[in-house]
Amino acid sequence: MTDSDIVRTGVAAAKLGVTRKTLLTWQREGLVRPEFKTPGPRGQFRWSMKKLRAQLSTPPREEKNHVDEGRPE
């Protein structure tokens, strides 16, 4: 299996050294995106390891700074 293979969530998580739950949390938070989701009501994610590693090596976009109400600038 090469780094460009498409793998299931558990395999991708193991290759990254994290739990399946952690990888799915990152997906829900928008930090990573799967290659695709299988069809059906309980579709499962499939991951490209090459793309997943690239997503994790790219720093997340910073949110624009905002001033809290009632707090001086």
N, C-alpha and C. Protein backbone atom coordinates (compact mmCIF):
# COMPACT_ATOMS: atom_id res chain seq x y z
N MET A 1 0.84 -1.18 0.00
CA MET A 1 0.00 0.00 0.00
C MET A 1 0.89 1.24 0.00
N THR A 2 0.60 2.18 -0.90
CA THR A 2 1.40 3.40 -0.96
C THR A 2 0.67 4.55 -0.30
N ASP A 3 1.38 5.67 -0.15
CA ASP A 3 0.82 6.83 0.51
C ASP A 3 -0.32 7.45 -0.29
N SER A 4 -0.44 7.11 -1.57
CA SER A 4 -1.50 7.71 -2.39
C SER A 4 -2.75 6.83 -2.45
N ASP A 5 -2.73 5.69 -1.79
CA ASP A 5 -3.88 4.80 -1.79
C ASP A 5 -5.07 5.42 -1.06
N ILE A 6 -6.25 5.00 -1.46
CA ILE A 6 -7.48 5.40 -0.79
C ILE A 6 -7.73 4.39 0.32
N VAL A 7 -7.94 4.87 1.54
CA VAL A 7 -8.09 3.98 2.70
C VAL A 7 -9.32 4.37 3.52
N ARG A 8 -9.74 3.44 4.36
CA ARG A 8 -10.85 3.68 5.28
C ARG A 8 -10.38 4.57 6.44
N THR A 9 -11.34 5.08 7.18
CA THR A 9 -11.05 6.02 8.27
C THR A 9 -10.11 5.42 9.31
N GLY A 10 -10.34 4.18 9.73
CA GLY A 10 -9.49 3.56 10.75
C GLY A 10 -8.06 3.40 10.29
N VAL A 11 -7.88 3.05 9.03
CA VAL A 11 -6.53 2.88 8.48
C VAL A 11 -5.84 4.24 8.39
N ALA A 12 -6.56 5.25 7.92
CA ALA A 12 -5.98 6.59 7.82
C ALA A 12 -5.56 7.10 9.20
N ALA A 13 -6.43 6.91 10.18
CA ALA A 13 -6.12 7.35 11.54
C ALA A 13 -4.87 6.65 12.08
N ALA A 14 -4.79 5.35 11.87
CA ALA A 14 -3.64 4.58 12.35
C ALA A 14 -2.35 5.06 11.70
N LYS A 15 -2.40 5.34 10.40
CA LYS A 15 -1.20 5.83 9.70
C LYS A 15 -0.76 7.19 10.22
N LEU A 16 -1.73 7.97 10.72
CA LEU A 16 -1.40 9.30 11.27
C LEU A 16 -1.03 9.23 12.75
N GLY A 17 -1.27 8.08 13.37
CA GLY A 17 -0.96 7.94 14.80
C GLY A 17 -2.00 8.57 15.70
N VAL A 18 -3.26 8.66 15.20
CA VAL A 18 -4.35 9.21 16.01
C VAL A 18 -5.48 8.20 16.03
N THR A 19 -6.48 8.46 16.84
CA THR A 19 -7.63 7.56 16.88
C THR A 19 -8.60 7.89 15.74
N ARG A 20 -9.45 6.94 15.46
CA ARG A 20 -10.50 7.15 14.45
C ARG A 20 -11.38 8.32 14.86
N LYS A 21 -11.69 8.39 16.14
CA LYS A 21 -12.54 9.47 16.67
C LYS A 21 -11.88 10.83 16.43
N THR A 22 -10.57 10.92 16.62
CA THR A 22 -9.86 12.18 16.40
C THR A 22 -9.96 12.61 14.94
N LEU A 23 -9.74 11.67 14.03
CA LEU A 23 -9.81 12.00 12.61
C LEU A 23 -11.21 12.48 12.23
N LEU A 24 -12.23 11.81 12.75
CA LEU A 24 -13.61 12.21 12.45
C LEU A 24 -13.94 13.57 13.07
N THR A 25 -13.36 13.86 14.22
CA THR A 25 -13.55 15.18 14.84
C THR A 25 -12.92 16.25 13.95
N TRP A 26 -11.72 15.99 13.46
CA TRP A 26 -11.06 16.95 12.56
C TRP A 26 -11.91 17.18 11.32
N GLN A 27 -12.54 16.11 10.82
CA GLN A 27 -13.39 16.24 9.64
C GLN A 27 -14.61 17.10 9.96
N ARG A 28 -15.27 16.86 11.09
CA ARG A 28 -16.44 17.65 11.47
C ARG A 28 -16.09 19.12 11.66
N GLU A 29 -14.89 19.38 12.17
CA GLU A 29 -14.45 20.76 12.41
C GLU A 29 -13.93 21.43 11.15
N GLY A 30 -13.87 20.70 10.05
CA GLY A 30 -13.44 21.27 8.79
C GLY A 30 -11.93 21.35 8.60
N LEU A 31 -11.18 20.66 9.46
CA LEU A 31 -9.72 20.71 9.35
C LEU A 31 -9.21 19.80 8.23
N VAL A 32 -9.95 18.74 7.94
CA VAL A 32 -9.58 17.82 6.86
C VAL A 32 -10.86 17.42 6.12
N ARG A 33 -10.67 17.03 4.85
CA ARG A 33 -11.80 16.57 4.04
C ARG A 33 -11.46 15.22 3.43
N PRO A 34 -12.40 14.28 3.49
CA PRO A 34 -12.16 12.97 2.89
C PRO A 34 -12.16 13.07 1.37
N GLU A 35 -11.61 12.07 0.74
CA GLU A 35 -11.61 12.00 -0.73
C GLU A 35 -13.05 11.85 -1.23
N PHE A 36 -13.81 10.97 -0.57
CA PHE A 36 -15.23 10.82 -0.91
C PHE A 36 -15.94 10.06 0.20
N LYS A 37 -17.26 10.04 0.11
CA LYS A 37 -18.10 9.29 1.04
C LYS A 37 -18.82 8.23 0.22
N THR A 38 -18.84 7.01 0.73
CA THR A 38 -19.50 5.93 -0.01
C THR A 38 -21.01 6.17 -0.05
N PRO A 39 -21.67 5.66 -1.09
CA PRO A 39 -23.11 5.86 -1.20
C PRO A 39 -23.88 5.10 -0.12
N GLY A 40 -25.09 5.51 0.10
CA GLY A 40 -25.95 4.82 1.05
C GLY A 40 -26.22 5.66 2.27
N PRO A 41 -27.20 5.24 3.06
CA PRO A 41 -27.60 6.01 4.24
C PRO A 41 -26.52 6.09 5.32
N ARG A 42 -25.63 5.13 5.35
CA ARG A 42 -24.54 5.13 6.35
C ARG A 42 -23.20 5.23 5.64
N GLY A 43 -23.12 6.15 4.69
CA GLY A 43 -21.90 6.29 3.90
C GLY A 43 -20.67 6.42 4.78
N GLN A 44 -19.60 5.85 4.30
CA GLN A 44 -18.33 5.88 5.04
C GLN A 44 -17.32 6.72 4.26
N PHE A 45 -16.46 7.39 5.00
CA PHE A 45 -15.44 8.21 4.36
C PHE A 45 -14.30 7.34 3.85
N ARG A 46 -13.72 7.78 2.75
CA ARG A 46 -12.50 7.20 2.22
C ARG A 46 -11.50 8.34 2.10
N TRP A 47 -10.26 8.04 2.42
CA TRP A 47 -9.23 9.07 2.51
C TRP A 47 -8.07 8.78 1.59
N SER A 48 -7.58 9.80 0.93
CA SER A 48 -6.32 9.73 0.20
C SER A 48 -5.25 10.14 1.20
N MET A 49 -4.34 9.24 1.50
CA MET A 49 -3.30 9.56 2.50
C MET A 49 -2.44 10.74 2.04
N LYS A 50 -2.15 10.79 0.76
CA LYS A 50 -1.34 11.89 0.24
C LYS A 50 -2.04 13.23 0.48
N LYS A 51 -3.32 13.30 0.14
CA LYS A 51 -4.06 14.55 0.32
C LYS A 51 -4.31 14.85 1.79
N LEU A 52 -4.55 13.82 2.58
CA LEU A 52 -4.78 14.01 4.01
C LEU A 52 -3.54 14.59 4.68
N ARG A 53 -2.38 14.04 4.37
CA ARG A 53 -1.13 14.57 4.94
C ARG A 53 -0.89 16.02 4.50
N ALA A 54 -1.24 16.32 3.25
CA ALA A 54 -1.08 17.70 2.75
C ALA A 54 -2.01 18.65 3.50
N GLN A 55 -3.24 18.21 3.74
CA GLN A 55 -4.19 19.05 4.48
C GLN A 55 -3.70 19.34 5.89
N LEU A 56 -3.10 18.35 6.51
CA LEU A 56 -2.61 18.52 7.88
C LEU A 56 -1.33 19.34 7.95
N SER A 57 -0.59 19.40 6.86
CA SER A 57 0.66 20.17 6.88
C SER A 57 0.42 21.64 6.52
N THR A 58 -0.77 21.96 6.02
CA THR A 58 -1.11 23.34 5.68
C THR A 58 -1.73 23.99 6.90
N PRO A 59 -1.17 25.13 7.34
CA PRO A 59 -1.75 25.77 8.53
C PRO A 59 -3.18 26.22 8.25
N PRO A 60 -4.07 26.11 9.25
CA PRO A 60 -5.45 26.54 9.05
C PRO A 60 -5.51 28.05 8.82
N ARG A 61 -6.52 28.47 8.10
CA ARG A 61 -6.69 29.91 7.87
C ARG A 61 -6.99 30.59 9.19
N GLU A 62 -6.38 31.74 9.38
CA GLU A 62 -6.64 32.50 10.59
C GLU A 62 -7.92 33.29 10.41
N GLU A 63 -8.71 33.33 11.47
CA GLU A 63 -9.92 34.13 11.41
C GLU A 63 -9.54 35.59 11.55
N LYS A 64 -10.35 36.44 10.95
CA LYS A 64 -10.09 37.87 11.06
C LYS A 64 -10.21 38.27 12.52
N ASN A 65 -9.32 39.13 12.95
CA ASN A 65 -9.38 39.62 14.33
C ASN A 65 -10.64 40.43 14.50
N HIS A 66 -11.25 40.26 15.64
CA HIS A 66 -12.44 41.06 15.95
C HIS A 66 -12.32 41.56 17.38
N VAL A 67 -13.00 42.64 17.63
CA VAL A 67 -12.95 43.26 18.95
C VAL A 67 -14.22 42.83 19.70
N ASP A 68 -14.01 42.32 20.90
CA ASP A 68 -15.17 41.94 21.71
C ASP A 68 -15.92 43.20 22.13
N GLU A 69 -17.25 43.10 22.15
CA GLU A 69 -18.04 44.25 22.57
C GLU A 69 -17.71 44.58 24.02
N GLY A 70 -17.65 45.88 24.29
CA GLY A 70 -17.39 46.32 25.65
C GLY A 70 -15.93 46.26 26.03
N ARG A 71 -15.09 45.92 25.10
CA ARG A 71 -13.67 45.83 25.40
C ARG A 71 -12.94 46.85 24.54
N PRO A 72 -12.12 47.72 25.16
CA PRO A 72 -11.43 48.73 24.37
C PRO A 72 -10.45 48.12 23.39
N GLU A 73 -10.25 48.80 22.28
CA GLU A 73 -9.31 48.31 21.26
C GLU A 73 -7.89 48.50 21.68
